N, C-alpha and C. Protein backbone atom coordinates (compact mmCIF):
# COMPACT_ATOMS: atom_id res chain seq x y z
N MET A 1 -13.39 101.01 -48.30
CA MET A 1 -12.95 100.13 -47.31
C MET A 1 -13.37 99.64 -46.06
N SER A 2 -13.91 100.40 -45.70
CA SER A 2 -14.68 100.57 -44.65
C SER A 2 -15.94 99.77 -44.63
N SER A 3 -16.55 99.46 -45.74
CA SER A 3 -17.83 98.94 -46.61
C SER A 3 -17.19 97.27 -46.14
N ARG A 4 -16.31 96.68 -46.60
CA ARG A 4 -15.59 95.98 -47.02
C ARG A 4 -15.25 95.08 -45.27
N HIS A 5 -14.86 96.00 -44.72
CA HIS A 5 -14.94 96.07 -43.32
C HIS A 5 -15.97 95.26 -42.49
N SER A 6 -16.85 96.17 -42.96
CA SER A 6 -18.70 95.45 -42.29
C SER A 6 -19.03 94.46 -42.44
N LEU A 7 -18.36 94.03 -44.36
CA LEU A 7 -19.08 93.06 -44.49
C LEU A 7 -18.36 91.60 -43.37
N TYR A 8 -17.02 91.73 -43.74
CA TYR A 8 -16.27 90.76 -43.11
C TYR A 8 -16.62 90.73 -41.83
N LYS A 9 -17.00 91.76 -40.72
CA LYS A 9 -17.50 91.65 -39.19
C LYS A 9 -18.73 90.89 -39.61
N GLN A 10 -19.34 91.18 -40.43
CA GLN A 10 -21.20 90.70 -40.63
C GLN A 10 -20.61 89.41 -40.85
N ILE A 11 -19.61 88.96 -42.10
CA ILE A 11 -19.96 87.29 -42.24
C ILE A 11 -19.27 86.61 -40.70
N SER A 12 -18.48 87.02 -40.69
CA SER A 12 -17.63 86.56 -38.89
C SER A 12 -18.45 86.29 -37.75
N GLN A 13 -19.92 87.53 -37.22
CA GLN A 13 -20.58 86.84 -36.13
C GLN A 13 -21.48 86.00 -36.97
N ASP A 14 -21.90 85.92 -38.44
CA ASP A 14 -23.09 85.01 -38.60
C ASP A 14 -22.42 82.99 -38.72
N GLU A 15 -20.83 83.57 -39.18
CA GLU A 15 -20.51 82.26 -38.67
C GLU A 15 -20.34 81.57 -37.06
N GLN A 16 -20.25 82.77 -36.32
CA GLN A 16 -20.10 82.46 -34.52
C GLN A 16 -21.43 81.96 -34.25
N HIS A 17 -22.48 82.38 -35.09
CA HIS A 17 -23.72 82.63 -34.68
C HIS A 17 -24.26 80.70 -34.53
N THR A 18 -23.99 81.03 -35.99
CA THR A 18 -23.79 79.10 -36.65
C THR A 18 -22.96 78.02 -35.81
N VAL A 19 -21.63 78.51 -35.55
CA VAL A 19 -21.43 77.62 -34.91
C VAL A 19 -21.95 77.34 -33.32
N GLU A 20 -22.49 78.46 -32.44
CA GLU A 20 -23.35 78.49 -31.48
C GLU A 20 -24.71 77.80 -31.41
N GLN A 21 -25.04 77.91 -32.32
CA GLN A 21 -26.57 77.40 -32.86
C GLN A 21 -25.62 75.65 -32.96
N GLN A 22 -24.98 74.87 -33.26
CA GLN A 22 -25.34 74.01 -33.59
C GLN A 22 -24.42 73.20 -32.44
N ASP A 23 -23.30 74.05 -31.48
CA ASP A 23 -23.01 73.42 -30.11
C ASP A 23 -24.52 73.23 -29.53
N PHE A 24 -25.42 74.27 -29.30
CA PHE A 24 -27.02 73.64 -28.50
C PHE A 24 -27.37 72.78 -29.01
N GLU A 25 -27.71 72.51 -30.59
CA GLU A 25 -28.19 71.48 -31.12
C GLU A 25 -27.64 69.59 -30.72
N GLU A 26 -25.95 70.01 -30.52
CA GLU A 26 -25.53 68.85 -30.01
C GLU A 26 -25.44 68.92 -28.66
N LEU A 27 -25.99 69.86 -27.68
CA LEU A 27 -25.58 69.41 -26.71
C LEU A 27 -27.20 69.07 -26.19
N GLY A 28 -28.43 69.10 -27.00
CA GLY A 28 -29.57 68.96 -26.86
C GLY A 28 -29.75 67.54 -27.19
N LYS A 29 -28.89 67.17 -28.38
CA LYS A 29 -29.27 65.72 -28.72
C LYS A 29 -28.73 65.22 -27.71
N SER A 30 -27.58 65.43 -27.12
CA SER A 30 -26.79 64.54 -26.33
C SER A 30 -27.47 64.58 -24.55
N ILE A 31 -28.19 65.37 -24.38
CA ILE A 31 -29.17 65.32 -23.38
C ILE A 31 -30.31 64.58 -23.63
N GLU A 32 -30.50 64.58 -24.62
CA GLU A 32 -32.05 63.81 -25.55
C GLU A 32 -31.31 62.15 -25.22
N ASN A 33 -30.08 62.02 -25.96
CA ASN A 33 -29.73 60.66 -25.86
C ASN A 33 -29.22 60.16 -24.10
N ASN A 34 -29.03 60.70 -23.46
CA ASN A 34 -28.44 60.58 -21.76
C ASN A 34 -29.95 60.23 -21.32
N LYS A 35 -31.31 61.07 -21.50
CA LYS A 35 -32.28 60.45 -20.68
C LYS A 35 -32.75 59.39 -21.05
N SER A 36 -32.43 59.10 -22.64
CA SER A 36 -33.24 58.14 -22.86
C SER A 36 -32.64 56.78 -22.46
N ASN A 37 -30.89 57.00 -22.47
CA ASN A 37 -30.39 55.53 -21.49
C ASN A 37 -31.02 55.68 -20.11
N PHE A 38 -31.21 56.56 -19.60
CA PHE A 38 -31.23 56.61 -17.92
C PHE A 38 -32.47 56.46 -18.24
N GLU A 39 -34.25 56.10 -18.84
CA GLU A 39 -34.91 55.94 -18.77
C GLU A 39 -34.92 54.37 -19.33
N GLN A 40 -34.39 53.90 -19.82
CA GLN A 40 -34.00 52.60 -20.44
C GLN A 40 -33.55 51.64 -19.14
N ASP A 41 -32.66 52.61 -18.49
CA ASP A 41 -31.94 51.49 -17.49
C ASP A 41 -32.84 51.39 -16.50
N VAL A 42 -33.69 52.26 -16.16
CA VAL A 42 -34.62 52.53 -15.37
C VAL A 42 -35.79 51.18 -15.38
N THR A 43 -36.09 51.59 -16.81
CA THR A 43 -37.18 50.31 -17.10
C THR A 43 -36.56 48.97 -17.22
N ALA A 44 -35.20 48.75 -16.94
CA ALA A 44 -34.55 47.33 -17.06
C ALA A 44 -34.42 47.12 -15.87
N LYS A 45 -34.32 47.80 -14.75
CA LYS A 45 -34.34 47.93 -13.16
C LYS A 45 -35.52 47.33 -13.15
N GLU A 46 -36.48 48.03 -12.92
CA GLU A 46 -37.92 47.77 -12.48
C GLU A 46 -38.30 46.33 -13.24
N THR A 47 -38.26 45.85 -14.55
CA THR A 47 -38.30 45.14 -14.74
C THR A 47 -37.86 43.61 -14.12
N ASN A 48 -35.99 43.81 -13.86
CA ASN A 48 -35.79 42.82 -13.09
C ASN A 48 -35.99 42.59 -11.96
N MET A 49 -36.41 43.57 -11.27
CA MET A 49 -36.98 43.43 -9.85
C MET A 49 -38.94 42.39 -9.47
N ASN A 50 -39.72 43.14 -10.67
CA ASN A 50 -40.60 42.57 -10.97
C ASN A 50 -40.26 40.91 -11.42
N LEU A 51 -39.14 40.45 -11.61
CA LEU A 51 -39.06 39.23 -11.91
C LEU A 51 -39.04 38.36 -10.76
N MET A 52 -38.11 39.37 -9.93
CA MET A 52 -37.38 38.61 -8.29
C MET A 52 -37.89 38.72 -7.70
N ILE A 53 -39.42 39.40 -7.53
CA ILE A 53 -40.75 39.21 -6.67
C ILE A 53 -41.60 38.23 -7.37
N PRO A 54 -41.60 37.20 -6.14
CA PRO A 54 -42.47 36.08 -6.54
C PRO A 54 -44.00 36.20 -6.72
N GLN A 55 -44.62 35.91 -7.82
CA GLN A 55 -45.57 36.04 -8.14
C GLN A 55 -46.66 35.51 -7.46
N LYS A 56 -47.73 35.79 -6.83
CA LYS A 56 -48.99 35.26 -5.70
C LYS A 56 -49.45 34.18 -6.78
N LYS A 57 -49.97 33.14 -6.58
CA LYS A 57 -50.41 32.32 -7.55
C LYS A 57 -51.92 31.79 -6.82
N GLU A 58 -52.95 31.68 -7.75
CA GLU A 58 -54.23 31.49 -6.59
C GLU A 58 -53.85 29.52 -6.44
N GLY A 59 -54.34 29.56 -5.09
CA GLY A 59 -54.16 27.90 -4.28
C GLY A 59 -52.90 27.67 -4.54
N GLN A 60 -51.73 28.21 -4.18
CA GLN A 60 -50.50 28.43 -3.84
C GLN A 60 -49.80 27.86 -2.65
N TRP A 61 -50.75 28.41 -1.64
CA TRP A 61 -50.61 27.62 -0.72
C TRP A 61 -51.20 26.74 -0.28
N LYS A 62 -52.37 26.21 -0.89
CA LYS A 62 -52.48 24.61 -0.50
C LYS A 62 -51.72 23.53 -1.30
N GLU A 63 -50.66 24.21 -2.13
CA GLU A 63 -49.35 24.03 -2.40
C GLU A 63 -48.72 22.82 -1.56
N HIS A 64 -48.27 24.75 -0.65
CA HIS A 64 -47.60 24.53 0.35
C HIS A 64 -47.86 23.29 1.63
N VAL A 65 -49.09 23.76 1.47
CA VAL A 65 -49.80 22.70 2.63
C VAL A 65 -49.69 21.47 2.52
N TYR A 66 -49.62 20.93 1.51
CA TYR A 66 -49.92 19.85 0.80
C TYR A 66 -48.34 19.26 0.92
N GLU A 67 -47.39 19.91 0.58
CA GLU A 67 -46.26 19.49 0.62
C GLU A 67 -45.43 19.24 2.15
N LEU A 68 -46.39 19.99 2.97
CA LEU A 68 -46.22 19.84 4.25
C LEU A 68 -46.49 18.58 4.94
N THR A 69 -47.89 18.04 4.86
CA THR A 69 -48.08 17.12 5.02
C THR A 69 -47.92 15.70 4.42
N GLN A 70 -46.84 15.97 3.17
CA GLN A 70 -46.61 14.72 3.12
C GLN A 70 -44.91 14.68 3.34
N CYS A 71 -44.45 15.32 3.37
CA CYS A 71 -43.15 15.50 4.14
C CYS A 71 -42.65 15.18 5.26
N THR A 72 -43.94 15.72 5.93
CA THR A 72 -43.53 15.74 8.14
C THR A 72 -43.96 14.03 8.04
N THR A 73 -42.74 14.37 9.70
CA THR A 73 -42.63 12.90 10.34
C THR A 73 -43.56 12.61 11.16
N PHE A 74 -44.44 13.44 11.43
CA PHE A 74 -45.59 13.52 12.01
C PHE A 74 -46.54 12.01 11.70
N HIS A 75 -46.69 11.27 12.64
CA HIS A 75 -47.50 10.15 12.00
C HIS A 75 -49.20 10.98 11.74
N GLY A 76 -49.85 10.39 10.77
CA GLY A 76 -50.67 10.37 10.33
C GLY A 76 -51.40 11.79 9.83
N ILE A 77 -50.07 12.61 9.89
CA ILE A 77 -50.31 13.98 9.37
C ILE A 77 -50.50 13.44 7.35
N ARG A 78 -49.78 13.05 6.60
CA ARG A 78 -50.04 13.25 6.15
C ARG A 78 -51.65 12.46 4.73
N TYR A 79 -51.72 11.54 5.63
CA TYR A 79 -53.11 11.02 5.58
C TYR A 79 -54.06 12.21 5.23
N LEU A 80 -54.12 13.14 6.19
CA LEU A 80 -54.83 14.67 5.71
C LEU A 80 -54.89 15.18 4.59
N GLY A 81 -53.67 15.50 3.84
CA GLY A 81 -53.20 15.88 2.93
C GLY A 81 -53.80 15.10 1.43
N LEU A 82 -53.72 14.04 1.23
CA LEU A 82 -53.86 13.07 0.34
C LEU A 82 -55.22 13.54 -0.37
N LYS A 83 -55.30 13.88 -1.61
CA LYS A 83 -56.14 14.66 -2.66
C LYS A 83 -56.98 13.74 -3.06
N ASN A 84 -57.12 12.51 -2.87
CA ASN A 84 -58.23 11.06 -3.11
C ASN A 84 -58.62 11.29 -2.29
N SER A 85 -58.05 11.14 -0.76
CA SER A 85 -58.56 10.60 0.34
C SER A 85 -60.34 11.28 0.57
N SER A 86 -61.11 10.35 1.40
CA SER A 86 -62.70 11.12 1.25
C SER A 86 -62.53 11.91 2.53
N LEU A 87 -63.64 12.31 2.94
CA LEU A 87 -64.14 13.00 3.87
C LEU A 87 -64.05 12.27 5.52
N ILE A 88 -64.61 11.46 5.00
CA ILE A 88 -64.73 10.56 6.43
C ILE A 88 -63.69 9.65 6.80
N SER A 89 -62.88 9.38 5.54
CA SER A 89 -61.26 9.11 6.32
C SER A 89 -60.72 10.54 6.90
N LYS A 90 -60.38 11.41 5.97
CA LYS A 90 -60.02 12.37 6.89
C LYS A 90 -60.81 12.89 8.37
N VAL A 91 -61.65 12.72 8.28
CA VAL A 91 -62.81 13.01 10.04
C VAL A 91 -61.34 11.82 10.77
N LEU A 92 -61.60 10.70 10.36
CA LEU A 92 -61.30 9.69 11.07
C LEU A 92 -59.48 9.72 11.63
N TRP A 93 -58.90 10.37 10.95
CA TRP A 93 -57.43 10.29 10.78
C TRP A 93 -57.26 11.82 11.86
N ILE A 94 -57.98 12.73 11.81
CA ILE A 94 -57.98 13.87 13.03
C ILE A 94 -58.67 13.41 14.14
N CYS A 95 -59.60 12.79 13.99
CA CYS A 95 -59.76 12.02 15.85
C CYS A 95 -59.02 11.59 16.27
N VAL A 96 -57.60 10.78 15.61
CA VAL A 96 -56.73 9.85 16.06
C VAL A 96 -55.76 10.27 16.34
N ILE A 97 -55.33 11.61 15.22
CA ILE A 97 -54.52 12.29 15.90
C ILE A 97 -54.49 13.23 17.04
N VAL A 98 -56.04 14.08 17.09
CA VAL A 98 -56.12 14.66 18.41
C VAL A 98 -56.07 13.74 19.68
N LEU A 99 -56.57 12.63 19.73
CA LEU A 99 -56.76 11.35 20.88
C LEU A 99 -55.13 11.07 20.73
N CYS A 100 -54.56 10.58 20.58
CA CYS A 100 -52.97 10.37 20.72
C CYS A 100 -52.04 11.73 20.87
N ALA A 101 -52.28 13.22 20.55
CA ALA A 101 -52.04 13.88 21.05
C ALA A 101 -52.53 14.42 22.50
N GLY A 102 -53.93 14.47 23.07
CA GLY A 102 -54.17 14.57 24.47
C GLY A 102 -53.66 13.37 25.24
N ILE A 103 -53.78 12.08 24.68
CA ILE A 103 -52.99 11.31 25.59
C ILE A 103 -51.28 11.87 26.28
N MET A 104 -50.61 12.10 25.29
CA MET A 104 -49.27 12.49 24.96
C MET A 104 -49.16 13.58 25.55
N ALA A 105 -49.85 14.62 25.97
CA ALA A 105 -50.04 15.69 26.81
C ALA A 105 -50.07 14.81 28.37
N TYR A 106 -51.08 14.42 28.42
CA TYR A 106 -51.57 14.03 29.52
C TYR A 106 -50.66 12.90 30.60
N ASN A 107 -49.67 12.09 29.65
CA ASN A 107 -48.67 11.51 30.27
C ASN A 107 -47.67 12.70 30.44
N MET A 108 -47.18 13.36 29.78
CA MET A 108 -45.85 14.42 29.58
C MET A 108 -46.51 15.23 30.99
N SER A 109 -47.45 15.65 30.92
CA SER A 109 -47.90 16.66 32.33
C SER A 109 -47.90 15.52 33.24
N ASP A 110 -48.43 14.85 33.30
CA ASP A 110 -48.26 13.82 34.74
C ASP A 110 -47.16 13.67 35.09
N ARG A 111 -46.07 13.19 34.60
CA ARG A 111 -44.66 12.76 34.64
C ARG A 111 -43.92 14.15 34.67
N LEU A 112 -44.11 15.40 34.52
CA LEU A 112 -43.86 16.39 35.06
C LEU A 112 -43.99 16.79 36.20
N ILE A 113 -44.81 16.81 36.99
CA ILE A 113 -45.69 17.27 38.16
C ILE A 113 -44.94 15.92 39.05
N TYR A 114 -45.33 14.87 38.67
CA TYR A 114 -44.70 13.59 39.83
C TYR A 114 -42.71 13.89 39.41
N TYR A 115 -41.84 14.66 38.35
CA TYR A 115 -40.71 15.00 38.68
C TYR A 115 -40.41 16.42 39.96
N LEU A 116 -41.52 16.88 39.82
CA LEU A 116 -41.42 18.30 40.51
C LEU A 116 -41.38 17.71 41.97
N LYS A 117 -41.98 16.88 42.03
CA LYS A 117 -42.30 16.75 43.55
C LYS A 117 -41.52 16.07 44.06
N SER A 118 -40.22 16.09 43.37
CA SER A 118 -38.76 15.19 44.19
C SER A 118 -39.30 13.69 44.51
N PRO A 119 -39.42 12.98 44.32
CA PRO A 119 -39.85 11.62 45.37
C PRO A 119 -38.21 10.81 44.93
N VAL A 120 -37.99 10.30 46.10
CA VAL A 120 -37.18 9.36 46.59
C VAL A 120 -37.66 8.38 46.90
N ASN A 121 -37.51 7.18 45.75
CA ASN A 121 -37.62 5.58 46.09
C ASN A 121 -36.18 4.62 46.46
N VAL A 122 -35.70 4.49 47.82
CA VAL A 122 -34.41 3.60 47.68
C VAL A 122 -34.87 1.82 47.80
N ASN A 123 -34.51 1.13 46.73
CA ASN A 123 -34.89 -0.44 47.71
C ASN A 123 -32.97 -0.67 47.90
N VAL A 124 -32.89 -1.36 48.81
CA VAL A 124 -32.07 -1.92 49.53
C VAL A 124 -32.30 -3.68 49.67
N LYS A 125 -31.13 -4.05 49.06
CA LYS A 125 -31.28 -5.39 49.10
C LYS A 125 -30.07 -5.81 49.69
N PHE A 126 -29.96 -7.25 50.40
CA PHE A 126 -28.99 -7.79 50.61
C PHE A 126 -28.18 -9.27 50.33
N HIS A 127 -27.52 -9.62 49.56
CA HIS A 127 -27.60 -10.85 49.10
C HIS A 127 -26.03 -11.78 49.63
N HIS A 128 -25.94 -12.54 50.64
CA HIS A 128 -25.04 -12.74 51.43
C HIS A 128 -24.37 -14.16 50.79
N ASN A 129 -23.48 -14.07 50.36
CA ASN A 129 -22.59 -15.25 49.31
C ASN A 129 -21.90 -15.62 50.31
N THR A 130 -22.50 -17.08 50.41
CA THR A 130 -22.31 -18.50 51.41
C THR A 130 -21.13 -19.03 50.74
N SER A 131 -20.82 -19.06 49.54
CA SER A 131 -19.42 -19.51 48.77
C SER A 131 -18.06 -18.94 49.35
N LEU A 132 -18.09 -17.55 49.47
CA LEU A 132 -16.92 -17.08 49.92
C LEU A 132 -16.58 -17.56 51.21
N ILE A 133 -15.05 -17.24 51.47
CA ILE A 133 -14.86 -17.90 52.98
C ILE A 133 -14.51 -16.80 53.71
N PHE A 134 -14.76 -16.64 54.73
CA PHE A 134 -14.10 -14.86 55.98
C PHE A 134 -12.92 -15.10 55.87
N PRO A 135 -12.43 -13.86 55.96
CA PRO A 135 -10.89 -14.32 56.07
C PRO A 135 -10.82 -14.10 57.86
N SER A 136 -9.94 -14.39 57.94
CA SER A 136 -9.66 -14.47 59.83
C SER A 136 -9.11 -13.09 60.10
N VAL A 137 -9.82 -12.53 61.18
CA VAL A 137 -9.24 -11.42 61.68
C VAL A 137 -9.27 -11.00 63.30
N THR A 138 -7.63 -10.25 63.44
CA THR A 138 -7.63 -10.26 64.90
C THR A 138 -7.66 -9.04 65.07
N ILE A 139 -8.36 -8.71 65.92
CA ILE A 139 -9.11 -7.26 66.94
C ILE A 139 -8.15 -7.04 67.91
N CYS A 140 -7.10 -6.16 67.42
CA CYS A 140 -6.18 -5.86 68.82
C CYS A 140 -6.79 -4.46 69.75
N ASN A 141 -6.51 -4.63 70.82
CA ASN A 141 -6.85 -3.40 71.67
C ASN A 141 -5.68 -2.61 72.46
N GLN A 142 -5.97 -1.35 72.86
CA GLN A 142 -3.93 -0.81 72.93
C GLN A 142 -4.15 -1.32 74.58
N ASN A 143 -5.20 -1.09 75.12
CA ASN A 143 -5.15 -1.41 76.73
C ASN A 143 -5.38 -3.17 76.75
N ALA A 144 -4.02 -3.41 77.04
CA ALA A 144 -4.11 -5.38 77.22
C ALA A 144 -4.66 -5.88 78.05
N PHE A 145 -5.39 -4.64 79.15
CA PHE A 145 -6.29 -5.55 80.48
C PHE A 145 -7.60 -4.64 80.54
N ARG A 146 -8.61 -5.46 81.24
CA ARG A 146 -9.80 -4.93 81.47
C ARG A 146 -9.58 -3.92 82.39
N LEU A 147 -10.21 -3.02 82.70
CA LEU A 147 -9.71 -2.22 84.36
C LEU A 147 -10.75 -3.01 85.50
N THR A 148 -11.76 -2.77 84.58
CA THR A 148 -13.04 -3.45 85.47
C THR A 148 -13.01 -4.96 85.75
N ALA A 149 -12.40 -5.72 85.09
CA ALA A 149 -11.94 -7.26 85.74
C ALA A 149 -10.68 -7.55 86.37
N ALA A 150 -10.13 -6.09 85.97
CA ALA A 150 -9.40 -6.41 87.39
C ALA A 150 -9.28 -5.96 88.73
N GLU A 151 -10.34 -5.13 88.89
CA GLU A 151 -11.00 -4.44 89.95
C GLU A 151 -11.46 -5.72 90.83
N ASP A 152 -12.59 -6.38 89.79
CA ASP A 152 -13.05 -7.67 90.43
C ASP A 152 -12.57 -8.51 91.14
N HIS A 153 -11.32 -8.41 90.34
CA HIS A 153 -9.98 -9.87 90.95
C HIS A 153 -9.06 -9.18 92.29
N ASN A 154 -9.14 -7.89 92.68
CA ASN A 154 -8.59 -6.88 93.18
C ASN A 154 -6.79 -6.87 92.54
N TRP A 155 -7.03 -7.16 91.43
CA TRP A 155 -5.25 -6.79 90.95
C TRP A 155 -5.21 -5.72 89.91
N TYR A 156 -5.93 -4.61 90.11
CA TYR A 156 -5.51 -3.58 89.59
C TYR A 156 -3.77 -2.80 90.32
N ASP A 157 -3.64 -2.41 91.70
CA ASP A 157 -3.06 -1.91 92.21
C ASP A 157 -2.20 -3.29 91.55
N PHE A 158 -1.84 -4.67 91.44
CA PHE A 158 -0.89 -5.71 91.25
C PHE A 158 -0.59 -5.25 89.75
N ILE A 159 -1.57 -4.70 89.08
CA ILE A 159 -0.80 -4.77 87.39
C ILE A 159 -0.65 -3.40 87.42
N GLU A 160 -0.52 -2.34 88.06
CA GLU A 160 -0.10 -1.45 88.16
C GLU A 160 1.39 -1.43 88.92
N THR A 161 1.69 -2.05 89.15
CA THR A 161 3.08 -2.24 90.07
C THR A 161 3.64 -3.27 89.02
N LEU A 162 2.89 -4.20 88.24
CA LEU A 162 3.94 -4.90 86.86
C LEU A 162 4.59 -3.92 86.19
N TYR A 163 3.38 -2.92 85.68
CA TYR A 163 4.03 -1.88 84.78
C TYR A 163 5.09 -0.67 85.25
N ASN A 164 5.73 -0.90 86.24
CA ASN A 164 6.54 0.37 87.56
C ASN A 164 7.74 -0.41 86.73
N THR A 165 8.78 -0.14 86.38
CA THR A 165 9.86 -0.38 85.70
C THR A 165 11.00 -0.25 86.54
N ASN A 166 10.72 0.31 87.96
CA ASN A 166 11.52 0.43 88.74
C ASN A 166 11.67 -0.70 89.60
N ARG A 167 10.82 -1.77 89.72
CA ARG A 167 10.52 -2.54 90.37
C ARG A 167 10.86 -4.07 89.55
N THR A 168 11.70 -4.66 90.60
CA THR A 168 11.67 -6.40 89.85
C THR A 168 10.96 -7.09 90.68
N SER A 169 10.71 -8.52 90.10
CA SER A 169 10.02 -9.40 90.70
C SER A 169 10.25 -9.83 92.17
N THR A 170 11.36 -9.64 92.37
CA THR A 170 11.76 -9.92 93.88
C THR A 170 10.82 -8.85 95.12
N ASP A 171 10.87 -7.69 94.51
CA ASP A 171 10.37 -6.62 95.39
C ASP A 171 8.79 -6.56 95.37
N ILE A 172 8.00 -7.51 94.36
CA ILE A 172 6.36 -7.01 94.65
C ILE A 172 6.15 -8.19 95.68
N ASP A 173 5.25 -8.03 96.31
CA ASP A 173 4.87 -8.48 97.68
C ASP A 173 3.24 -9.23 97.54
N TRP A 174 3.50 -11.00 96.44
CA TRP A 174 2.85 -11.37 95.68
C TRP A 174 1.36 -11.91 97.03
N LYS A 175 1.91 -12.07 97.93
CA LYS A 175 0.92 -12.26 98.79
C LYS A 175 0.27 -11.34 98.95
N LYS A 176 0.53 -10.31 98.93
CA LYS A 176 -0.71 -9.04 98.82
C LYS A 176 -1.48 -8.77 97.83
N TYR A 177 -1.19 -8.90 96.54
CA TYR A 177 -1.89 -9.04 95.97
C TYR A 177 -2.69 -10.18 95.51
N ASN A 178 -2.88 -11.27 96.48
CA ASN A 178 -2.98 -13.12 96.15
C ASN A 178 -3.01 -13.42 94.64
N ALA A 179 -1.52 -13.23 94.42
CA ALA A 179 -1.19 -13.51 93.24
C ALA A 179 -0.04 -14.92 93.64
N THR A 180 -0.18 -15.42 94.00
CA THR A 180 1.14 -16.30 94.79
C THR A 180 1.43 -17.09 93.50
N ASN A 181 0.28 -17.90 92.83
CA ASN A 181 0.21 -19.26 91.87
C ASN A 181 -0.22 -18.25 90.90
N LEU A 182 -0.59 -17.21 90.15
CA LEU A 182 -0.76 -16.53 89.45
C LEU A 182 0.21 -16.70 88.46
N THR A 183 -0.06 -17.22 87.25
CA THR A 183 0.81 -17.06 85.66
C THR A 183 -0.09 -15.37 85.46
N PHE A 184 0.90 -15.52 84.25
CA PHE A 184 0.71 -14.42 83.30
C PHE A 184 -0.55 -14.74 82.38
N SER A 185 -0.21 -16.16 81.92
CA SER A 185 -1.45 -16.60 80.71
C SER A 185 -2.77 -16.60 81.97
N GLU A 186 -2.51 -16.84 82.76
CA GLU A 186 -4.03 -16.73 83.93
C GLU A 186 -4.60 -15.25 83.49
N LEU A 187 -3.38 -14.32 84.70
CA LEU A 187 -3.54 -13.07 84.12
C LEU A 187 -4.70 -12.57 82.98
N TYR A 188 -3.97 -13.15 81.57
CA TYR A 188 -4.70 -12.35 80.20
C TYR A 188 -6.10 -13.17 80.52
N LEU A 189 -6.32 -14.59 81.05
CA LEU A 189 -7.09 -14.68 80.72
C LEU A 189 -8.64 -14.77 81.27
N LYS A 190 -8.20 -13.67 82.60
CA LYS A 190 -8.89 -13.17 83.74
C LYS A 190 -9.54 -11.83 83.37
N THR A 191 -8.25 -10.98 83.18
CA THR A 191 -8.65 -9.71 82.71
C THR A 191 -8.21 -9.22 81.37
N GLY A 192 -7.72 -10.32 80.65
CA GLY A 192 -8.19 -9.67 79.11
C GLY A 192 -8.89 -9.21 78.26
N HIS A 193 -9.36 -8.68 77.44
CA HIS A 193 -10.71 -8.50 76.23
C HIS A 193 -11.34 -9.45 75.58
N THR A 194 -12.32 -9.56 76.03
CA THR A 194 -13.31 -10.55 74.94
C THR A 194 -13.96 -10.03 73.66
N LYS A 195 -14.14 -11.46 72.85
CA LYS A 195 -14.90 -10.69 71.75
C LYS A 195 -16.29 -10.15 72.38
N GLU A 196 -16.69 -11.35 73.19
CA GLU A 196 -18.47 -10.32 73.45
C GLU A 196 -18.27 -9.02 74.18
N ASP A 197 -17.42 -8.55 74.77
CA ASP A 197 -16.94 -7.30 75.01
C ASP A 197 -16.96 -6.58 73.54
N MET A 198 -16.30 -6.87 72.85
CA MET A 198 -15.76 -5.60 71.65
C MET A 198 -16.77 -5.80 70.66
N ILE A 199 -17.39 -6.95 70.34
CA ILE A 199 -18.11 -7.06 69.13
C ILE A 199 -19.99 -7.25 69.65
N HIS A 200 -20.11 -6.24 69.64
CA HIS A 200 -21.90 -6.12 69.93
C HIS A 200 -22.92 -6.88 69.03
N ARG A 201 -22.47 -6.89 67.82
CA ARG A 201 -23.69 -7.35 66.84
C ARG A 201 -22.67 -7.69 65.69
N TYR A 202 -22.74 -9.02 64.86
CA TYR A 202 -22.44 -9.34 63.90
C TYR A 202 -23.61 -10.17 63.31
N ASN A 203 -23.47 -10.18 61.95
CA ASN A 203 -24.23 -11.10 61.55
C ASN A 203 -23.35 -12.72 60.37
N THR A 204 -24.03 -13.67 60.54
CA THR A 204 -23.59 -14.90 60.04
C THR A 204 -23.47 -15.05 58.35
N LEU A 205 -23.04 -15.67 57.90
CA LEU A 205 -23.01 -15.52 56.33
C LEU A 205 -24.19 -16.52 56.18
N SER A 206 -23.96 -17.74 56.92
CA SER A 206 -24.95 -18.90 57.12
C SER A 206 -26.43 -18.18 56.88
């Protein structure tokens, strides 16, 4: 009975050992597969990155320079990049381009210096139009009489008396002011303002 039990126990241990060995083998295969897949992924990524990086080709910069000379709008540059043009032609075009660039730089610097000096030049010219009729203008002075003219005729006090509203014409001593035969129109003509006194300078249209 004990020998049979020992046999069963031995068989059970052998089976357990076999199962554990199979598990280890499967785990090892799984690790190998994962490692292989990882290496394949890394290789694929490196390949894609290599494809994305532009490969330098011999003479590629010459092609870029040629495209630049043919596409630029700078006059004369495209003749320098022509493959079938001679050396003399290229030298002549270089001289022309350098000369024109120098003239342009000189003019720009000259105008810039002139601008920074802030020059001021104003030309004024009057054109008198003789075909237009100048309108009539009336210039009125608030002072009806010139005091200097009134003093010359000894009428200063007389004018003050006229402006005194408390008096009437019968209250005025006309002989005192030497104004017996004086009319109001004559008073204005002799003591009023004249155009010579009010307008010092004027230009005619003719």
